[in-house]
Amino acid sequence: MASVSLSVSTVKPLADRVFVKVSASEEKTAGGILLPETAKEKPQVGEIVSVGPGKRSDDGSRQEPEVKVGDKVLYSKYAGTDIKLGSEEYVLLSEKDILAIVG
């Protein structure tokens, strides 16, 4: 079986998909209580590191994605495919799963 080496620069999303670097989850609550690993929620915020060319419309033309590399986004909690490259966590998701651009 051939070995495939993945890095952020070698992952190119297709169609309307985006590759997002997941932000670190909160270490403690607003009241100052430290959270153990098992109690942390999956983060829903991340930074876009790669964007696909866009979805094809019915007439065959490409529809440009609304997001671009470098945007911080809020995405659906259970959306996409989780990918771990080294110690960093990423998620590959469809543009429709992005809820907002965080400014």
N, C-alpha and C. Protein backbone atom coordinates (compact mmCIF):
# COMPACT_ATOMS: atom_id res chain seq x y z
N MET A 1 0.84 -1.18 0.00
CA MET A 1 0.00 0.00 0.00
C MET A 1 0.89 1.24 0.00
N ALA A 2 0.58 2.20 -0.85
CA ALA A 2 1.37 3.42 -0.96
C ALA A 2 1.09 4.36 0.20
N SER A 3 2.11 5.04 0.64
CA SER A 3 1.98 5.99 1.73
C SER A 3 1.75 7.38 1.15
N VAL A 4 0.79 8.11 1.71
CA VAL A 4 0.49 9.46 1.25
C VAL A 4 0.84 10.43 2.36
N SER A 5 1.63 11.43 2.03
CA SER A 5 2.00 12.44 3.00
C SER A 5 1.14 13.68 2.78
N LEU A 6 0.33 14.02 3.77
CA LEU A 6 -0.55 15.18 3.67
C LEU A 6 0.01 16.35 4.45
N SER A 7 -0.14 17.51 3.88
CA SER A 7 0.16 18.76 4.58
C SER A 7 -0.88 19.77 4.14
N VAL A 8 -0.93 20.89 4.82
CA VAL A 8 -1.92 21.91 4.50
C VAL A 8 -1.76 22.37 3.05
N SER A 9 -0.55 22.49 2.58
CA SER A 9 -0.32 22.97 1.22
C SER A 9 -0.69 21.95 0.15
N THR A 10 -0.80 20.67 0.50
CA THR A 10 -1.15 19.66 -0.50
C THR A 10 -2.64 19.35 -0.54
N VAL A 11 -3.42 19.89 0.38
CA VAL A 11 -4.86 19.64 0.40
C VAL A 11 -5.55 20.76 -0.37
N LYS A 12 -6.21 20.42 -1.47
CA LYS A 12 -6.93 21.38 -2.30
C LYS A 12 -8.40 20.94 -2.35
N PRO A 13 -9.29 21.68 -1.69
CA PRO A 13 -10.71 21.32 -1.69
C PRO A 13 -11.32 21.40 -3.09
N LEU A 14 -12.33 20.58 -3.32
CA LEU A 14 -13.04 20.58 -4.60
C LEU A 14 -14.38 21.29 -4.46
N ALA A 15 -14.90 21.77 -5.57
CA ALA A 15 -16.22 22.41 -5.66
C ALA A 15 -16.38 23.52 -4.62
N ASP A 16 -17.43 23.43 -3.79
CA ASP A 16 -17.70 24.51 -2.83
C ASP A 16 -17.21 24.16 -1.43
N ARG A 17 -16.20 23.30 -1.33
CA ARG A 17 -15.68 22.91 -0.02
C ARG A 17 -14.56 23.84 0.43
N VAL A 18 -14.40 23.94 1.75
CA VAL A 18 -13.34 24.76 2.33
C VAL A 18 -12.59 23.94 3.37
N PHE A 19 -11.33 24.26 3.57
CA PHE A 19 -10.46 23.59 4.53
C PHE A 19 -10.20 24.58 5.65
N VAL A 20 -10.62 24.24 6.87
CA VAL A 20 -10.60 25.18 8.00
C VAL A 20 -9.70 24.65 9.11
N LYS A 21 -8.81 25.54 9.62
CA LYS A 21 -7.99 25.21 10.78
C LYS A 21 -8.84 25.52 12.02
N VAL A 22 -9.05 24.51 12.85
CA VAL A 22 -9.91 24.64 14.02
C VAL A 22 -9.21 25.45 15.11
N SER A 23 -9.93 26.42 15.68
CA SER A 23 -9.39 27.20 16.80
C SER A 23 -9.36 26.34 18.05
N ALA A 24 -8.47 26.66 18.96
CA ALA A 24 -8.35 25.91 20.21
C ALA A 24 -9.61 26.08 21.04
N SER A 25 -10.01 25.01 21.72
CA SER A 25 -11.20 25.07 22.57
C SER A 25 -10.86 25.76 23.88
N GLU A 26 -11.88 26.25 24.54
CA GLU A 26 -11.70 26.97 25.79
C GLU A 26 -11.13 26.06 26.88
N GLU A 27 -10.17 26.58 27.63
CA GLU A 27 -9.53 25.82 28.71
C GLU A 27 -10.31 25.94 30.01
N LYS A 28 -11.04 27.07 30.18
CA LYS A 28 -11.82 27.23 31.40
C LYS A 28 -13.11 27.99 31.11
N THR A 29 -14.06 27.88 32.03
CA THR A 29 -15.35 28.53 31.88
C THR A 29 -15.24 30.01 32.19
N ALA A 30 -16.32 30.75 31.94
CA ALA A 30 -16.35 32.18 32.24
C ALA A 30 -16.16 32.44 33.73
N GLY A 31 -16.55 31.48 34.57
CA GLY A 31 -16.40 31.62 36.02
C GLY A 31 -15.02 31.23 36.52
N GLY A 32 -14.13 30.75 35.62
CA GLY A 32 -12.77 30.44 36.01
C GLY A 32 -12.52 28.97 36.32
N ILE A 33 -13.49 28.10 36.09
CA ILE A 33 -13.32 26.67 36.37
C ILE A 33 -12.56 26.02 35.21
N LEU A 34 -11.46 25.32 35.52
CA LEU A 34 -10.69 24.63 34.48
C LEU A 34 -11.45 23.41 33.99
N LEU A 35 -11.46 23.22 32.67
CA LEU A 35 -12.18 22.09 32.07
C LEU A 35 -11.22 20.96 31.72
N PRO A 36 -11.57 19.72 32.10
CA PRO A 36 -10.75 18.57 31.65
C PRO A 36 -11.01 18.30 30.17
N GLU A 37 -10.14 17.56 29.52
CA GLU A 37 -10.27 17.25 28.09
C GLU A 37 -11.63 16.66 27.75
N THR A 38 -12.16 15.80 28.61
CA THR A 38 -13.41 15.12 28.31
C THR A 38 -14.62 16.05 28.37
N ALA A 39 -14.51 17.18 29.04
CA ALA A 39 -15.65 18.10 29.18
C ALA A 39 -15.64 19.21 28.14
N LYS A 40 -14.58 19.32 27.36
CA LYS A 40 -14.50 20.39 26.37
C LYS A 40 -15.41 20.09 25.19
N GLU A 41 -16.08 21.14 24.71
CA GLU A 41 -16.93 20.99 23.54
C GLU A 41 -16.10 21.17 22.27
N LYS A 42 -16.58 20.57 21.19
CA LYS A 42 -15.91 20.71 19.90
C LYS A 42 -16.03 22.18 19.46
N PRO A 43 -14.91 22.81 19.12
CA PRO A 43 -14.97 24.21 18.69
C PRO A 43 -15.76 24.36 17.40
N GLN A 44 -16.38 25.52 17.23
CA GLN A 44 -17.15 25.79 16.02
C GLN A 44 -16.58 26.99 15.26
N VAL A 45 -15.41 27.44 15.65
CA VAL A 45 -14.78 28.60 15.02
C VAL A 45 -13.42 28.17 14.46
N GLY A 46 -13.09 28.68 13.29
CA GLY A 46 -11.80 28.36 12.71
C GLY A 46 -11.42 29.35 11.63
N GLU A 47 -10.20 29.19 11.11
CA GLU A 47 -9.70 30.07 10.06
C GLU A 47 -9.57 29.29 8.76
N ILE A 48 -10.07 29.84 7.69
CA ILE A 48 -10.02 29.17 6.39
C ILE A 48 -8.58 29.20 5.86
N VAL A 49 -8.06 28.00 5.51
CA VAL A 49 -6.70 27.91 4.98
C VAL A 49 -6.69 27.57 3.49
N SER A 50 -7.81 27.06 2.96
CA SER A 50 -7.89 26.74 1.54
C SER A 50 -9.36 26.71 1.12
N VAL A 51 -9.61 27.19 -0.11
CA VAL A 51 -10.98 27.26 -0.63
C VAL A 51 -11.03 26.61 -2.00
N GLY A 52 -12.08 25.85 -2.26
CA GLY A 52 -12.28 25.24 -3.57
C GLY A 52 -12.67 26.28 -4.61
N PRO A 53 -12.74 25.88 -5.89
CA PRO A 53 -13.03 26.83 -6.97
C PRO A 53 -14.48 27.31 -7.00
N GLY A 54 -15.38 26.65 -6.31
CA GLY A 54 -16.78 27.06 -6.30
C GLY A 54 -17.68 25.99 -6.90
N LYS A 55 -18.96 26.11 -6.59
CA LYS A 55 -19.95 25.15 -7.05
C LYS A 55 -20.37 25.47 -8.48
N ARG A 56 -20.63 24.43 -9.25
CA ARG A 56 -21.12 24.62 -10.62
C ARG A 56 -22.63 24.85 -10.57
N SER A 57 -23.08 25.85 -11.33
CA SER A 57 -24.51 26.11 -11.42
C SER A 57 -25.10 25.25 -12.54
N ASP A 58 -26.40 25.32 -12.73
CA ASP A 58 -27.08 24.48 -13.73
C ASP A 58 -26.60 24.74 -15.15
N ASP A 59 -26.17 25.97 -15.44
CA ASP A 59 -25.71 26.29 -16.79
C ASP A 59 -24.23 25.95 -17.01
N GLY A 60 -23.56 25.41 -15.99
CA GLY A 60 -22.17 24.98 -16.12
C GLY A 60 -21.14 25.98 -15.65
N SER A 61 -21.55 27.20 -15.33
CA SER A 61 -20.60 28.19 -14.85
C SER A 61 -20.30 27.98 -13.37
N ARG A 62 -19.19 28.52 -12.91
CA ARG A 62 -18.81 28.40 -11.50
C ARG A 62 -19.40 29.55 -10.69
N GLN A 63 -19.88 29.22 -9.50
CA GLN A 63 -20.37 30.23 -8.57
C GLN A 63 -19.26 30.47 -7.56
N GLU A 64 -18.71 31.68 -7.52
CA GLU A 64 -17.60 32.01 -6.63
C GLU A 64 -17.99 31.81 -5.17
N PRO A 65 -17.09 31.24 -4.34
CA PRO A 65 -17.37 31.11 -2.91
C PRO A 65 -17.43 32.49 -2.24
N GLU A 66 -18.26 32.62 -1.21
CA GLU A 66 -18.39 33.89 -0.49
C GLU A 66 -17.24 34.11 0.49
N VAL A 67 -16.53 33.04 0.84
CA VAL A 67 -15.44 33.14 1.82
C VAL A 67 -14.10 33.07 1.10
N LYS A 68 -13.05 33.53 1.78
CA LYS A 68 -11.72 33.49 1.20
C LYS A 68 -10.71 33.04 2.26
N VAL A 69 -9.53 32.70 1.82
CA VAL A 69 -8.46 32.28 2.73
C VAL A 69 -8.18 33.40 3.73
N GLY A 70 -8.08 33.04 5.01
CA GLY A 70 -7.81 34.01 6.06
C GLY A 70 -9.04 34.43 6.84
N ASP A 71 -10.24 34.17 6.31
CA ASP A 71 -11.48 34.51 7.02
C ASP A 71 -11.64 33.64 8.26
N LYS A 72 -12.07 34.24 9.38
CA LYS A 72 -12.46 33.46 10.56
C LYS A 72 -13.93 33.20 10.42
N VAL A 73 -14.33 31.94 10.57
CA VAL A 73 -15.72 31.56 10.34
C VAL A 73 -16.30 30.77 11.51
N LEU A 74 -17.61 30.84 11.62
CA LEU A 74 -18.39 30.04 12.56
C LEU A 74 -19.12 29.01 11.73
N TYR A 75 -18.97 27.72 12.07
CA TYR A 75 -19.59 26.67 11.27
C TYR A 75 -20.44 25.76 12.15
N SER A 76 -21.30 24.97 11.51
CA SER A 76 -22.20 24.06 12.22
C SER A 76 -21.42 23.08 13.07
N LYS A 77 -21.99 22.73 14.21
CA LYS A 77 -21.29 21.92 15.21
C LYS A 77 -20.83 20.56 14.71
N TYR A 78 -21.68 19.84 13.99
CA TYR A 78 -21.33 18.48 13.57
C TYR A 78 -21.10 18.39 12.06
N ALA A 79 -20.71 19.49 11.44
CA ALA A 79 -20.50 19.53 10.00
C ALA A 79 -19.10 19.09 9.62
N GLY A 80 -18.96 18.63 8.40
CA GLY A 80 -17.65 18.36 7.82
C GLY A 80 -16.97 17.09 8.29
N THR A 81 -15.74 16.95 7.83
CA THR A 81 -14.90 15.80 8.14
C THR A 81 -13.68 16.29 8.91
N ASP A 82 -13.48 15.74 10.10
CA ASP A 82 -12.34 16.13 10.93
C ASP A 82 -11.06 15.48 10.40
N ILE A 83 -10.00 16.28 10.30
CA ILE A 83 -8.70 15.81 9.80
C ILE A 83 -7.63 16.32 10.74
N LYS A 84 -6.70 15.44 11.12
CA LYS A 84 -5.59 15.84 11.99
C LYS A 84 -4.30 15.70 11.21
N LEU A 85 -3.58 16.82 11.07
CA LEU A 85 -2.28 16.83 10.39
C LEU A 85 -1.25 17.26 11.42
N GLY A 86 -0.41 16.33 11.84
CA GLY A 86 0.55 16.61 12.91
C GLY A 86 -0.21 16.84 14.20
N SER A 87 0.04 17.96 14.85
CA SER A 87 -0.68 18.26 16.10
C SER A 87 -1.85 19.21 15.86
N GLU A 88 -2.02 19.67 14.62
CA GLU A 88 -3.08 20.62 14.29
C GLU A 88 -4.35 19.89 13.85
N GLU A 89 -5.50 20.48 14.19
CA GLU A 89 -6.79 19.91 13.79
C GLU A 89 -7.42 20.79 12.73
N TYR A 90 -8.00 20.14 11.72
CA TYR A 90 -8.67 20.82 10.62
C TYR A 90 -10.02 20.17 10.39
N VAL A 91 -10.86 20.86 9.65
CA VAL A 91 -12.14 20.30 9.24
C VAL A 91 -12.37 20.69 7.78
N LEU A 92 -12.79 19.72 6.98
CA LEU A 92 -13.11 19.94 5.58
C LEU A 92 -14.62 19.96 5.48
N LEU A 93 -15.18 21.10 5.09
CA LEU A 93 -16.63 21.20 5.07
C LEU A 93 -17.12 21.95 3.85
N SER A 94 -18.40 21.79 3.58
CA SER A 94 -19.04 22.46 2.47
C SER A 94 -19.34 23.90 2.85
N GLU A 95 -19.33 24.80 1.88
CA GLU A 95 -19.57 26.21 2.17
C GLU A 95 -20.94 26.43 2.81
N LYS A 96 -21.91 25.59 2.50
CA LYS A 96 -23.26 25.76 3.07
C LYS A 96 -23.29 25.50 4.58
N ASP A 97 -22.26 24.83 5.12
CA ASP A 97 -22.18 24.57 6.56
C ASP A 97 -21.58 25.74 7.33
N ILE A 98 -21.10 26.76 6.63
CA ILE A 98 -20.56 27.96 7.29
C ILE A 98 -21.73 28.86 7.63
N LEU A 99 -21.82 29.22 8.91
CA LEU A 99 -22.94 30.03 9.37
C LEU A 99 -22.65 31.52 9.29
N ALA A 100 -21.40 31.94 9.56
CA ALA A 100 -21.07 33.37 9.58
C ALA A 100 -19.58 33.57 9.46
N ILE A 101 -19.21 34.75 8.98
CA ILE A 101 -17.82 35.19 9.02
C ILE A 101 -17.67 36.03 10.27
N VAL A 102 -16.70 35.69 11.11
CA VAL A 102 -16.49 36.38 12.39
C VAL A 102 -15.51 37.51 12.16
N GLY A 103 -15.90 38.73 12.53
CA GLY A 103 -15.06 39.92 12.26
C GLY A 103 -14.28 40.28 13.40
